[in-house]
Amino acid sequence: MSENLAIVILNWNGKSWLEKFLPSVIMHSKNAEIYVIDNFSTDDSLLFLQTEFPDIKIVKNDKNYGFAGGYNEGLKSIHKEFYCLLNSDVEVTENWIDPVLNLFKKDIQISAIQPKVLSFTDKKYFEFAGAGGGLIDNLGYPYCRGRVFDDVEEDKGQYDDETEIFWASGCCLFIRSKDFWEQNGFDARFFAHQEEIDLCWRLINSGKKIFYTGKSKVYHVGGGTLNKQRPQKTFLNIRNNLSMMLKNLPFPKLIWILFFRMILDGAAAFYFAYKNGISHLWAVLRGHYGFYAHIPGTLKLRQNNQMKHYYQTKWLIFKHFLGNKKS
């Protein structure tokens, strides 16, 4: 079944990541076709691939479209039943593919699946981006089994299950190509961050399922292409999260949640400024202005159906920071 799978790595000036992690992908991905979509790199990534890995298929984008747009552009020329969208800073393991494809085979309504995502730098712990499967609270704050905000759990086998989740991590996202294109792929306006959550939310609104399997395991460096302390990441997360909620939440719930989030984001701006510097306060403000600029286009992208019961936890931010709930 893996012959129906394309493993697709988006690269932008990531020669060092490809050099370090591509061998593990090749070693543990027999029968699957491996592609690198190059997002108009200016380093010698392409020369390196052509010299050291001539069997890897290369798709060249004509500019840097970001994570979301880069995949949208590159995947147009890749024709397989399943995609695995894999970050360049991920180490895969033996038998990481079969458990995922077996899940797809069991249920045609499953659109996307993620494996267990552990930290490459400390392999006993879950990694921020995905961990044991993505969930969301009633205010639109994404979190994971094994990771709530910046607190991560040690992997003790507590998430070795296979279960339905709300969103699958974009660092290692298996998805049916048919479902990806029926949703018109990622929202390219996002550029990067939370585009996979938005896509999974749209899939759920259309009646599909998102799953996690702990029988497959990968190790993710995290922040390989955009350090998590950079203001640009704060800006993208704020803007994209608000746009995602406007697109996917049902009325009238949408109105009061967005109002409440405006207040919380104001408090977060000062918290980020205290923790990471004043530039992050301005990043929150820019995120809001970016969201306002997107409103007309976002409203056009709303689907006919929005799930009313989309969240796993209520008031996560208060439970975490005031109630000391770490997981």
C-alpha atoms as a PDB file:
ATOM      1  CA  MET A   1       0.000   0.000   0.000  1.00  0.00           C
ATOM      2  CA  SER A   2       2.990   2.319   0.536  1.00  0.00           C
ATOM      3  CA  GLU A   3       3.412   2.502  -3.228  1.00  0.00           C
ATOM      4  CA  ASN A   4       0.332   4.767  -3.120  1.00  0.00           C
ATOM      5  CA  LEU A   5       2.144   7.160  -0.762  1.00  0.00           C
ATOM      6  CA  ALA A   6       4.197  10.245  -1.584  1.00  0.00           C
ATOM      7  CA  ILE A   7       6.423  11.490   1.226  1.00  0.00           C
ATOM      8  CA  VAL A   8       6.784  15.194   0.552  1.00  0.00           C
ATOM      9  CA  ILE A   9       9.341  17.415   2.279  1.00  0.00           C
ATOM     10  CA  LEU A  10       9.114  21.178   1.852  1.00  0.00           C
ATOM     11  CA  ASN A  11      12.561  22.741   1.781  1.00  0.00           C
ATOM     12  CA  TRP A  12      13.724  26.325   2.052  1.00  0.00           C
ATOM     13  CA  ASN A  13      17.457  26.792   2.584  1.00  0.00           C
ATOM     14  CA  GLY A  14      17.438  23.587   4.604  1.00  0.00           C
ATOM     15  CA  LYS A  15      20.470  21.705   3.311  1.00  0.00           C
ATOM     16  CA  SER A  16      21.672  20.934   6.845  1.00  0.00           C
ATOM     17  CA  TRP A  17      18.306  19.412   7.785  1.00  0.00           C
ATOM     18  CA  LEU A  18      18.164  17.330   4.613  1.00  0.00           C
ATOM     19  CA  GLU A  19      21.706  16.139   5.181  1.00  0.00           C
ATOM     20  CA  LYS A  20      20.894  15.103   8.724  1.00  0.00           C
ATOM     21  CA  PHE A  21      17.406  13.600   8.401  1.00  0.00           C
ATOM     22  CA  LEU A  22      16.772  12.555   4.798  1.00  0.00           C
ATOM     23  CA  PRO A  23      18.787   9.317   5.216  1.00  0.00           C
ATOM     24  CA  SER A  24      16.362   8.086   7.903  1.00  0.00           C
ATOM     25  CA  VAL A  25      13.414   8.805   5.603  1.00  0.00           C
ATOM     26  CA  ILE A  26      15.002   6.847   2.767  1.00  0.00           C
ATOM     27  CA  MET A  27      15.982   3.963   5.039  1.00  0.00           C
ATOM     28  CA  HIS A  28      12.528   3.487   6.589  1.00  0.00           C
ATOM     29  CA  SER A  29      10.240   4.312   3.650  1.00  0.00           C
ATOM     30  CA  LYS A  30      10.539   1.385   1.279  1.00  0.00           C
ATOM     31  CA  ASN A  31       8.203   1.520  -1.767  1.00  0.00           C
ATOM     32  CA  ALA A  32       7.025   5.063  -1.013  1.00  0.00           C
ATOM     33  CA  GLU A  33       8.079   7.821  -3.395  1.00  0.00           C
ATOM     34  CA  ILE A  34      10.018  10.653  -1.774  1.00  0.00           C
ATOM     35  CA  TYR A  35       9.737  14.212  -3.056  1.00  0.00           C
ATOM     36  CA  VAL A  36      11.370  17.464  -2.019  1.00  0.00           C
ATOM     37  CA  ILE A  37       9.450  20.640  -2.885  1.00  0.00           C
ATOM     38  CA  ASP A  38      12.013  23.415  -2.993  1.00  0.00           C
ATOM     39  CA  ASN A  39      10.540  26.766  -1.982  1.00  0.00           C
ATOM     40  CA  PHE A  40      13.001  28.854  -4.033  1.00  0.00           C
ATOM     41  CA  SER A  41      16.037  28.191  -1.836  1.00  0.00           C
ATOM     42  CA  THR A  42      19.103  30.385  -2.149  1.00  0.00           C
ATOM     43  CA  ASP A  43      21.516  27.919  -0.552  1.00  0.00           C
ATOM     44  CA  ASP A  44      22.921  24.857  -2.335  1.00  0.00           C
ATOM     45  CA  SER A  45      20.107  22.517  -1.261  1.00  0.00           C
ATOM     46  CA  LEU A  46      19.256  21.509  -4.818  1.00  0.00           C
ATOM     47  CA  LEU A  47      22.845  20.813  -5.817  1.00  0.00           C
ATOM     48  CA  PHE A  48      23.260  18.739  -2.661  1.00  0.00           C
ATOM     49  CA  LEU A  49      20.138  16.681  -3.437  1.00  0.00           C
ATOM     50  CA  GLN A  50      21.089  16.138  -7.059  1.00  0.00           C
ATOM     51  CA  THR A  51      24.591  15.063  -6.067  1.00  0.00           C
ATOM     52  CA  GLU A  52      23.970  12.981  -2.949  1.00  0.00           C
ATOM     53  CA  PHE A  53      20.378  11.747  -3.494  1.00  0.00           C
ATOM     54  CA  PRO A  54      19.775  11.605  -7.251  1.00  0.00           C
ATOM     55  CA  ASP A  55      16.760   9.291  -6.844  1.00  0.00           C
ATOM     56  CA  ILE A  56      14.815  11.887  -4.825  1.00  0.00           C
ATOM     57  CA  LYS A  57      12.212  13.639  -6.968  1.00  0.00           C
ATOM     58  CA  ILE A  58      12.451  17.433  -6.875  1.00  0.00           C
ATOM     59  CA  VAL A  59       9.645  19.928  -7.461  1.00  0.00           C
ATOM     60  CA  LYS A  60      10.804  23.540  -7.856  1.00  0.00           C
ATOM     61  CA  ASN A  61       8.556  26.423  -6.762  1.00  0.00           C
ATOM     62  CA  ASP A  62       9.168  29.740  -8.520  1.00  0.00           C
ATOM     63  CA  LYS A  63       9.236  31.691  -5.243  1.00  0.00           C
ATOM     64  CA  ASN A  64       8.979  31.196  -1.485  1.00  0.00           C
ATOM     65  CA  TYR A  65       5.252  30.674  -0.931  1.00  0.00           C
ATOM     66  CA  GLY A  66       5.643  29.909   2.775  1.00  0.00           C
ATOM     67  CA  PHE A  67       4.693  26.586   4.343  1.00  0.00           C
ATOM     68  CA  ALA A  68       1.027  26.663   3.353  1.00  0.00           C
ATOM     69  CA  GLY A  69       1.367  28.047  -0.157  1.00  0.00           C
ATOM     70  CA  GLY A  70       4.569  26.121  -0.794  1.00  0.00           C
ATOM     71  CA  TYR A  71       2.841  22.807  -0.291  1.00  0.00           C
ATOM     72  CA  ASN A  72      -0.198  23.926  -2.286  1.00  0.00           C
ATOM     73  CA  GLU A  73       1.973  24.813  -5.271  1.00  0.00           C
ATOM     74  CA  GLY A  74       4.291  21.836  -5.127  1.00  0.00           C
ATOM     75  CA  LEU A  75       1.649  19.178  -4.535  1.00  0.00           C
ATOM     76  CA  LYS A  76      -0.128  20.099  -7.781  1.00  0.00           C
ATOM     77  CA  SER A  77       2.390  17.992  -9.675  1.00  0.00           C
ATOM     78  CA  ILE A  78       2.392  15.012  -7.260  1.00  0.00           C
ATOM     79  CA  HIS A  79      -0.268  12.405  -7.962  1.00  0.00           C
ATOM     80  CA  LYS A  80      -0.622   9.770  -5.259  1.00  0.00           C
ATOM     81  CA  GLU A  81      -3.550   8.511  -3.180  1.00  0.00           C
ATOM     82  CA  PHE A  82      -1.878   9.592   0.060  1.00  0.00           C
ATOM     83  CA  TYR A  83       0.504  12.398   0.976  1.00  0.00           C
ATOM     84  CA  CYS A  84       2.814  12.505   3.960  1.00  0.00           C
ATOM     85  CA  LEU A  85       3.775  16.142   4.494  1.00  0.00           C
ATOM     86  CA  LEU A  86       6.995  15.839   6.447  1.00  0.00           C
ATOM     87  CA  ASN A  87       9.124  18.608   7.932  1.00  0.00           C
ATOM     88  CA  SER A  88      12.778  18.534   6.947  1.00  0.00           C
ATOM     89  CA  ASP A  89      13.802  18.428  10.642  1.00  0.00           C
ATOM     90  CA  VAL A  90      12.073  15.107  11.410  1.00  0.00           C
ATOM     91  CA  GLU A  91      13.765  11.771  12.048  1.00  0.00           C
ATOM     92  CA  VAL A  92      11.486   8.860  11.191  1.00  0.00           C
ATOM     93  CA  THR A  93      11.700   5.352  12.639  1.00  0.00           C
ATOM     94  CA  GLU A  94      11.309   1.778  11.497  1.00  0.00           C
ATOM     95  CA  ASN A  95       7.699   0.825  10.634  1.00  0.00           C
ATOM     96  CA  TRP A  96       6.434   4.399  10.843  1.00  0.00           C
ATOM     97  CA  ILE A  97       4.302   4.115   7.695  1.00  0.00           C
ATOM     98  CA  ASP A  98       2.340   0.853   7.970  1.00  0.00           C
ATOM     99  CA  PRO A  99       0.280   1.702  11.085  1.00  0.00           C
ATOM    100  CA  VAL A 100      -0.892   4.906   9.415  1.00  0.00           C
ATOM    101  CA  LEU A 101      -1.849   3.290   6.113  1.00  0.00           C
ATOM    102  CA  ASN A 102      -3.626   0.475   7.985  1.00  0.00           C
ATOM    103  CA  LEU A 103      -5.776   3.075   9.745  1.00  0.00           C
ATOM    104  CA  PHE A 104      -6.674   4.715   6.443  1.00  0.00           C
ATOM    105  CA  LYS A 105      -7.656   1.284   5.136  1.00  0.00           C
ATOM    106  CA  LYS A 106      -9.987   0.639   8.082  1.00  0.00           C
ATOM    107  CA  ASP A 107     -12.144   3.747   7.667  1.00  0.00           C
ATOM    108  CA  ILE A 108     -12.702   5.730   4.475  1.00  0.00           C
ATOM    109  CA  GLN A 109     -13.932   8.693   6.564  1.00  0.00           C
ATOM    110  CA  ILE A 110     -10.475   9.195   8.055  1.00  0.00           C
ATOM    111  CA  SER A 111      -8.889  12.053   6.136  1.00  0.00           C
ATOM    112  CA  ALA A 112      -5.717  12.809   8.085  1.00  0.00           C
ATOM    113  CA  ILE A 113      -3.492  10.997  10.578  1.00  0.00           C
ATOM    114  CA  GLN A 114      -0.462  11.915  12.642  1.00  0.00           C
ATOM    115  CA  PRO A 115       2.022   9.648  14.462  1.00  0.00           C
ATOM    116  CA  LYS A 116       3.406  10.142  17.947  1.00  0.00           C
ATOM    117  CA  VAL A 117       5.722  13.173  17.797  1.00  0.00           C
ATOM    118  CA  LEU A 118       8.622  13.126  20.245  1.00  0.00           C
ATOM    119  CA  SER A 119      11.442  15.606  20.772  1.00  0.00           C
ATOM    120  CA  PHE A 120      14.625  14.908  18.833  1.00  0.00           C
ATOM    121  CA  THR A 121      16.711  16.788  21.406  1.00  0.00           C
ATOM    122  CA  ASP A 122      15.262  14.850  24.377  1.00  0.00           C
ATOM    123  CA  LYS A 123      13.697  11.669  23.088  1.00  0.00           C
ATOM    124  CA  LYS A 124      11.963  10.816  26.363  1.00  0.00           C
ATOM    125  CA  TYR A 125       9.639  13.804  25.972  1.00  0.00           C
ATOM    126  CA  PHE A 126       6.885  14.776  23.578  1.00  0.00           C
ATOM    127  CA  GLU A 127       7.529  17.560  21.112  1.00  0.00           C
ATOM    128  CA  PHE A 128       5.589  20.808  21.043  1.00  0.00           C
ATOM    129  CA  ALA A 129       4.224  20.393  17.501  1.00  0.00           C
ATOM    130  CA  GLY A 130       1.749  17.541  17.699  1.00  0.00           C
ATOM    131  CA  ALA A 131       2.852  15.387  20.641  1.00  0.00           C
ATOM    132  CA  GLY A 132       0.105  12.777  21.204  1.00  0.00           C
ATOM    133  CA  GLY A 133      -2.461  14.357  18.895  1.00  0.00           C
ATOM    134  CA  GLY A 134      -3.956  17.834  18.606  1.00  0.00           C
ATOM    135  CA  LEU A 135      -7.066  19.120  20.385  1.00  0.00           C
ATOM    136  CA  ILE A 136      -8.646  22.560  20.899  1.00  0.00           C
ATOM    137  CA  ASP A 137     -10.498  24.279  23.712  1.00  0.00           C
ATOM    138  CA  ASN A 138     -13.731  26.275  23.555  1.00  0.00           C
ATOM    139  CA  LEU A 139     -11.833  29.559  23.005  1.00  0.00           C
ATOM    140  CA  GLY A 140      -9.860  28.227  20.042  1.00  0.00           C
ATOM    141  CA  TYR A 141      -6.561  27.575  21.853  1.00  0.00           C
ATOM    142  CA  PRO A 142      -4.827  24.572  20.284  1.00  0.00           C
ATOM    143  CA  TYR A 143      -3.084  22.067  22.532  1.00  0.00           C
ATOM    144  CA  CYS A 144      -2.032  18.428  22.414  1.00  0.00           C
ATOM    145  CA  ARG A 145      -2.230  15.295  24.425  1.00  0.00           C
ATOM    146  CA  GLY A 146       1.170  15.485  26.055  1.00  0.00           C
ATOM    147  CA  ARG A 147       1.629  19.245  25.552  1.00  0.00           C
ATOM    148  CA  VAL A 148      -0.356  22.153  26.944  1.00  0.00           C
ATOM    149  CA  PHE A 149       1.025  25.561  25.952  1.00  0.00           C
ATOM    150  CA  ASP A 150       4.781  25.259  26.709  1.00  0.00           C
ATOM    151  CA  ASP A 151       4.567  22.331  29.144  1.00  0.00           C
ATOM    152  CA  VAL A 152       5.323  18.889  27.735  1.00  0.00           C
ATOM    153  CA  GLU A 153       4.989  15.432  29.264  1.00  0.00           C
ATOM    154  CA  GLU A 154       7.478  12.602  29.392  1.00  0.00           C
ATOM    155  CA  ASP A 155       6.485   9.737  27.138  1.00  0.00           C
ATOM    156  CA  LYS A 156       5.588   6.807  29.403  1.00  0.00           C
ATOM    157  CA  GLY A 157       3.355   5.015  26.920  1.00  0.00           C
ATOM    158  CA  GLN A 158       0.268   6.977  27.980  1.00  0.00           C
ATOM    159  CA  TYR A 159      -0.507   7.850  24.353  1.00  0.00           C
ATOM    160  CA  ASP A 160       0.311   4.574  22.618  1.00  0.00           C
ATOM    161  CA  ASP A 161      -3.321   4.313  21.524  1.00  0.00           C
ATOM    162  CA  GLU A 162      -5.124   4.994  18.255  1.00  0.00           C
ATOM    163  CA  THR A 163      -7.833   7.592  18.648  1.00  0.00           C
ATOM    164  CA  GLU A 164      -9.761  10.353  16.960  1.00  0.00           C
ATOM    165  CA  ILE A 165      -8.312  13.827  17.516  1.00  0.00           C
ATOM    166  CA  PHE A 166      -9.140  17.360  16.378  1.00  0.00           C
ATOM    167  CA  TRP A 167      -6.015  18.250  14.415  1.00  0.00           C
ATOM    168  CA  ALA A 168      -2.954  16.443  13.121  1.00  0.00           C
ATOM    169  CA  SER A 169       0.459  18.074  13.267  1.00  0.00           C
ATOM    170  CA  GLY A 170       1.839  19.593  10.096  1.00  0.00           C
ATOM    171  CA  CYS A 171       5.334  18.369  10.994  1.00  0.00           C
ATOM    172  CA  CYS A 172       4.238  14.864   9.948  1.00  0.00           C
ATOM    173  CA  LEU A 173       0.795  14.977   8.364  1.00  0.00           C
ATOM    174  CA  PHE A 174      -0.561  11.990   6.461  1.00  0.00           C
ATOM    175  CA  ILE A 175      -3.597  12.954   4.389  1.00  0.00           C
ATOM    176  CA  ARG A 176      -5.698  11.588   1.554  1.00  0.00           C
ATOM    177  CA  SER A 177      -4.845  13.654  -1.509  1.00  0.00           C
ATOM    178  CA  LYS A 178      -8.509  13.659  -2.578  1.00  0.00           C
ATOM    179  CA  ASP A 179      -9.573  15.251   0.693  1.00  0.00           C
ATOM    180  CA  PHE A 180      -6.699  17.729   0.633  1.00  0.00           C
ATOM    181  CA  TRP A 181      -7.743  19.053  -2.773  1.00  0.00           C
ATOM    182  CA  GLU A 182     -11.484  18.979  -2.014  1.00  0.00           C
ATOM    183  CA  GLN A 183     -10.649  21.549   0.673  1.00  0.00           C
ATOM    184  CA  ASN A 184      -8.413  23.479  -1.769  1.00  0.00           C
ATOM    185  CA  GLY A 185      -5.419  22.568   0.357  1.00  0.00           C
ATOM    186  CA  PHE A 186      -4.035  24.883   3.011  1.00  0.00           C
ATOM    187  CA  ASP A 187      -5.143  28.487   3.325  1.00  0.00           C
ATOM    188  CA  ALA A 188      -2.144  30.081   1.597  1.00  0.00           C
ATOM    189  CA  ARG A 189      -2.844  33.420   3.305  1.00  0.00           C
ATOM    190  CA  PHE A 190      -1.638  31.858   6.567  1.00  0.00           C
ATOM    191  CA  PHE A 191       1.907  31.550   5.137  1.00  0.00           C
ATOM    192  CA  ALA A 192       2.926  29.390   8.131  1.00  0.00           C
ATOM    193  CA  HIS A 193       1.544  28.233  11.507  1.00  0.00           C
ATOM    194  CA  GLN A 194      -1.848  26.724  12.307  1.00  0.00           C
ATOM    195  CA  GLU A 195      -2.642  26.085   8.653  1.00  0.00           C
ATOM    196  CA  GLU A 196      -2.899  22.364   9.440  1.00  0.00           C
ATOM    197  CA  ILE A 197      -5.368  23.043  12.275  1.00  0.00           C
ATOM    198  CA  ASP A 198      -7.519  25.113   9.955  1.00  0.00           C
ATOM    199  CA  LEU A 199      -7.421  22.362   7.316  1.00  0.00           C
ATOM    200  CA  CYS A 200      -8.359  19.675   9.834  1.00  0.00           C
ATOM    201  CA  TRP A 201     -11.201  21.857  11.158  1.00  0.00           C
ATOM    202  CA  ARG A 202     -12.560  22.260   7.634  1.00  0.00           C
ATOM    203  CA  LEU A 203     -12.321  18.509   7.089  1.00  0.00           C
ATOM    204  CA  ILE A 204     -14.249  17.865  10.316  1.00  0.00           C
ATOM    205  CA  ASN A 205     -16.890  20.421   9.319  1.00  0.00           C
ATOM    206  CA  SER A 206     -17.297  18.463   6.087  1.00  0.00           C
ATOM    207  CA  GLY A 207     -17.913  15.202   7.976  1.00  0.00           C
ATOM    208  CA  LYS A 208     -14.411  13.694   7.909  1.00  0.00           C
ATOM    209  CA  LYS A 209     -12.292  12.312  10.769  1.00  0.00           C
ATOM    210  CA  ILE A 210      -8.780  13.120  11.998  1.00  0.00           C
ATOM    211  CA  PHE A 211      -6.826  10.374  13.762  1.00  0.00           C
ATOM    212  CA  TYR A 212      -3.686   9.714  15.794  1.00  0.00           C
ATOM    213  CA  THR A 213      -1.727   6.491  16.045  1.00  0.00           C
ATOM    214  CA  GLY A 214       0.823   5.848  18.762  1.00  0.00           C
ATOM    215  CA  LYS A 215       1.994   2.780  16.829  1.00  0.00           C
ATOM    216  CA  SER A 216       4.005   5.111  14.589  1.00  0.00           C
ATOM    217  CA  LYS A 217       6.721   7.350  16.016  1.00  0.00           C
ATOM    218  CA  VAL A 218       8.872  10.230  14.757  1.00  0.00           C
ATOM    219  CA  TYR A 219      11.314  12.660  16.358  1.00  0.00           C
ATOM    220  CA  HIS A 220      11.011  16.373  15.593  1.00  0.00           C
ATOM    221  CA  VAL A 221      13.627  19.064  16.233  1.00  0.00           C
ATOM    222  CA  GLY A 222      10.997  21.843  16.235  1.00  0.00           C
ATOM    223  CA  GLY A 223      11.604  25.465  15.293  1.00  0.00           C
ATOM    224  CA  GLY A 224      13.948  24.295  12.556  1.00  0.00           C
ATOM    225  CA  THR A 225      12.753  26.941  10.109  1.00  0.00           C
ATOM    226  CA  LEU A 226      11.260  29.606  12.416  1.00  0.00           C
ATOM    227  CA  ASN A 227      12.524  29.870  15.984  1.00  0.00           C
ATOM    228  CA  LYS A 228       9.647  29.872  18.449  1.00  0.00           C
ATOM    229  CA  GLN A 229      10.920  32.996  20.208  1.00  0.00           C
ATOM    230  CA  ARG A 230      10.763  35.165  17.097  1.00  0.00           C
ATOM    231  CA  PRO A 231       8.096  37.904  17.006  1.00  0.00           C
ATOM    232  CA  GLN A 232       7.164  36.771  13.492  1.00  0.00           C
ATOM    233  CA  LYS A 233       5.900  33.489  14.922  1.00  0.00           C
ATOM    234  CA  THR A 234       3.829  35.358  17.526  1.00  0.00           C
ATOM    235  CA  PHE A 235       2.346  37.501  14.757  1.00  0.00           C
ATOM    236  CA  LEU A 236       1.485  34.513  12.556  1.00  0.00           C
ATOM    237  CA  ASN A 237      -0.039  32.512  15.405  1.00  0.00           C
ATOM    238  CA  ILE A 238      -2.274  35.384  16.540  1.00  0.00           C
ATOM    239  CA  ARG A 239      -3.432  36.367  13.050  1.00  0.00           C
ATOM    240  CA  ASN A 240      -3.976  32.835  11.808  1.00  0.00           C
ATOM    241  CA  ASN A 241      -5.744  31.617  14.924  1.00  0.00           C
ATOM    242  CA  LEU A 242      -8.293  34.429  14.780  1.00  0.00           C
ATOM    243  CA  SER A 243      -8.843  33.911  11.046  1.00  0.00           C
ATOM    244  CA  MET A 244      -9.268  30.185  11.614  1.00  0.00           C
ATOM    245  CA  MET A 245     -11.986  30.773  14.202  1.00  0.00           C
ATOM    246  CA  LEU A 246     -13.812  33.277  11.997  1.00  0.00           C
ATOM    247  CA  LYS A 247     -13.799  30.720   9.208  1.00  0.00           C
ATOM    248  CA  ASN A 248     -14.834  27.648  11.189  1.00  0.00           C
ATOM    249  CA  LEU A 249     -16.831  28.561  14.302  1.00  0.00           C
ATOM    250  CA  PRO A 250     -20.658  28.557  14.235  1.00  0.00           C
ATOM    251  CA  PHE A 251     -22.737  31.665  14.859  1.00  0.00           C
ATOM    252  CA  PRO A 252     -23.619  33.062  17.381  1.00  0.00           C
ATOM    253  CA  LYS A 253     -20.880  31.377  19.412  1.00  0.00           C
ATOM    254  CA  LEU A 254     -18.307  32.974  17.123  1.00  0.00           C
ATOM    255  CA  ILE A 255     -19.208  36.517  18.234  1.00  0.00           C
ATOM    256  CA  TRP A 256     -18.704  36.102  21.968  1.00  0.00           C
ATOM    257  CA  ILE A 257     -15.595  33.945  21.549  1.00  0.00           C
ATOM    258  CA  LEU A 258     -13.890  36.502  19.316  1.00  0.00           C
ATOM    259  CA  PHE A 259     -14.826  39.283  21.756  1.00  0.00           C
ATOM    260  CA  PHE A 260     -13.413  37.298  24.655  1.00  0.00           C
ATOM    261  CA  ARG A 261     -10.250  36.525  22.716  1.00  0.00           C
ATOM    262  CA  MET A 262      -9.659  40.230  22.051  1.00  0.00           C
ATOM    263  CA  ILE A 263      -9.468  40.762  25.809  1.00  0.00           C
ATOM    264  CA  LEU A 264      -7.235  37.746  26.400  1.00  0.00           C
ATOM    265  CA  ASP A 265      -4.932  38.692  23.530  1.00  0.00           C
ATOM    266  CA  GLY A 266      -4.478  42.111  25.092  1.00  0.00           C
ATOM    267  CA  ALA A 267      -3.344  40.461  28.319  1.00  0.00           C
ATOM    268  CA  ALA A 268      -1.168  38.045  26.349  1.00  0.00           C
ATOM    269  CA  ALA A 269       0.568  40.937  24.602  1.00  0.00           C
ATOM    270  CA  PHE A 270       1.920  42.234  27.911  1.00  0.00           C
ATOM    271  CA  TYR A 271       2.789  38.714  29.066  1.00  0.00           C
ATOM    272  CA  PHE A 272       4.758  38.091  25.865  1.00  0.00           C
ATOM    273  CA  ALA A 273       6.461  41.480  26.213  1.00  0.00           C
ATOM    274  CA  TYR A 274       7.532  40.606  29.768  1.00  0.00           C
ATOM    275  CA  LYS A 275       8.673  37.107  28.824  1.00  0.00           C
ATOM    276  CA  ASN A 276      10.176  37.604  25.343  1.00  0.00           C
ATOM    277  CA  GLY A 277      10.575  41.357  24.790  1.00  0.00           C
ATOM    278  CA  ILE A 278       8.559  44.381  23.645  1.00  0.00           C
ATOM    279  CA  SER A 279       8.695  43.260  20.014  1.00  0.00           C
ATOM    280  CA  HIS A 280       6.224  40.499  20.871  1.00  0.00           C
ATOM    281  CA  LEU A 281       3.682  43.055  22.113  1.00  0.00           C
ATOM    282  CA  TRP A 282       3.803  44.724  18.702  1.00  0.00           C
ATOM    283  CA  ALA A 283       3.590  41.296  17.098  1.00  0.00           C
ATOM    284  CA  VAL A 284       0.242  40.709  18.837  1.00  0.00           C
ATOM    285  CA  LEU A 285      -1.039  44.067  17.606  1.00  0.00           C
ATOM    286  CA  ARG A 286       0.159  43.306  14.068  1.00  0.00           C
ATOM    287  CA  GLY A 287      -1.561  39.947  14.320  1.00  0.00           C
ATOM    288  CA  HIS A 288      -4.870  41.655  15.044  1.00  0.00           C
ATOM    289  CA  TYR A 289      -4.463  44.147  12.217  1.00  0.00           C
ATOM    290  CA  GLY A 290      -3.595  41.281   9.901  1.00  0.00           C
ATOM    291  CA  PHE A 291      -6.729  39.449  11.009  1.00  0.00           C
ATOM    292  CA  TYR A 292      -8.903  42.522  10.352  1.00  0.00           C
ATOM    293  CA  ALA A 293      -7.399  42.865   6.874  1.00  0.00           C
ATOM    294  CA  HIS A 294      -8.282  39.226   6.162  1.00  0.00           C
ATOM    295  CA  ILE A 295     -11.913  39.441   7.341  1.00  0.00           C
ATOM    296  CA  PRO A 296     -13.573  39.961   3.918  1.00  0.00           C
ATOM    297  CA  GLY A 297     -11.688  37.074   2.359  1.00  0.00           C
ATOM    298  CA  THR A 298     -12.136  34.861   5.405  1.00  0.00           C
ATOM    299  CA  LEU A 299     -15.903  35.315   5.430  1.00  0.00           C
ATOM    300  CA  LYS A 300     -16.021  34.149   1.811  1.00  0.00           C
ATOM    301  CA  LEU A 301     -14.299  30.912   2.855  1.00  0.00           C
ATOM    302  CA  ARG A 302     -16.812  29.932   5.530  1.00  0.00           C
ATOM    303  CA  GLN A 303     -18.448  26.582   4.795  1.00  0.00           C
ATOM    304  CA  ASN A 304     -22.166  25.868   5.045  1.00  0.00           C
ATOM    305  CA  ASN A 305     -21.755  23.690   8.137  1.00  0.00           C
ATOM    306  CA  GLN A 306     -19.830  24.446  11.335  1.00  0.00           C
ATOM    307  CA  MET A 307     -19.624  21.826  14.078  1.00  0.00           C
ATOM    308  CA  LYS A 308     -21.107  23.104  17.335  1.00  0.00           C
ATOM    309  CA  HIS A 309     -19.253  20.617  19.546  1.00  0.00           C
ATOM    310  CA  TYR A 310     -15.699  21.040  18.354  1.00  0.00           C
ATOM    311  CA  TYR A 311     -13.698  21.262  21.590  1.00  0.00           C
ATOM    312  CA  GLN A 312     -12.356  18.783  24.120  1.00  0.00           C
ATOM    313  CA  THR A 313     -11.713  21.147  27.050  1.00  0.00           C
ATOM    314  CA  LYS A 314     -13.290  24.355  28.324  1.00  0.00           C
ATOM    315  CA  TRP A 315     -11.305  27.394  29.485  1.00  0.00           C
ATOM    316  CA  LEU A 316      -7.913  25.746  29.053  1.00  0.00           C
ATOM    317  CA  ILE A 317      -5.978  28.986  29.512  1.00  0.00           C
ATOM    318  CA  PHE A 318      -7.476  29.569  32.985  1.00  0.00           C
ATOM    319  CA  LYS A 319      -7.025  25.955  34.063  1.00  0.00           C
ATOM    320  CA  HIS A 320      -3.414  26.037  32.928  1.00  0.00           C
ATOM    321  CA  PHE A 321      -2.210  29.389  34.241  1.00  0.00           C
ATOM    322  CA  LEU A 322      -4.515  29.804  37.253  1.00  0.00           C
ATOM    323  CA  GLY A 323      -5.316  26.191  38.089  1.00  0.00           C
ATOM    324  CA  ASN A 324      -1.800  24.872  37.398  1.00  0.00           C
ATOM    325  CA  LYS A 325      -3.070  22.253  34.929  1.00  0.00           C
ATOM    326  CA  LYS A 326       0.078  21.230  33.070  1.00  0.00           C
ATOM    327  CA  SER A 327      -1.346  18.472  30.881  1.00  0.00           C
END
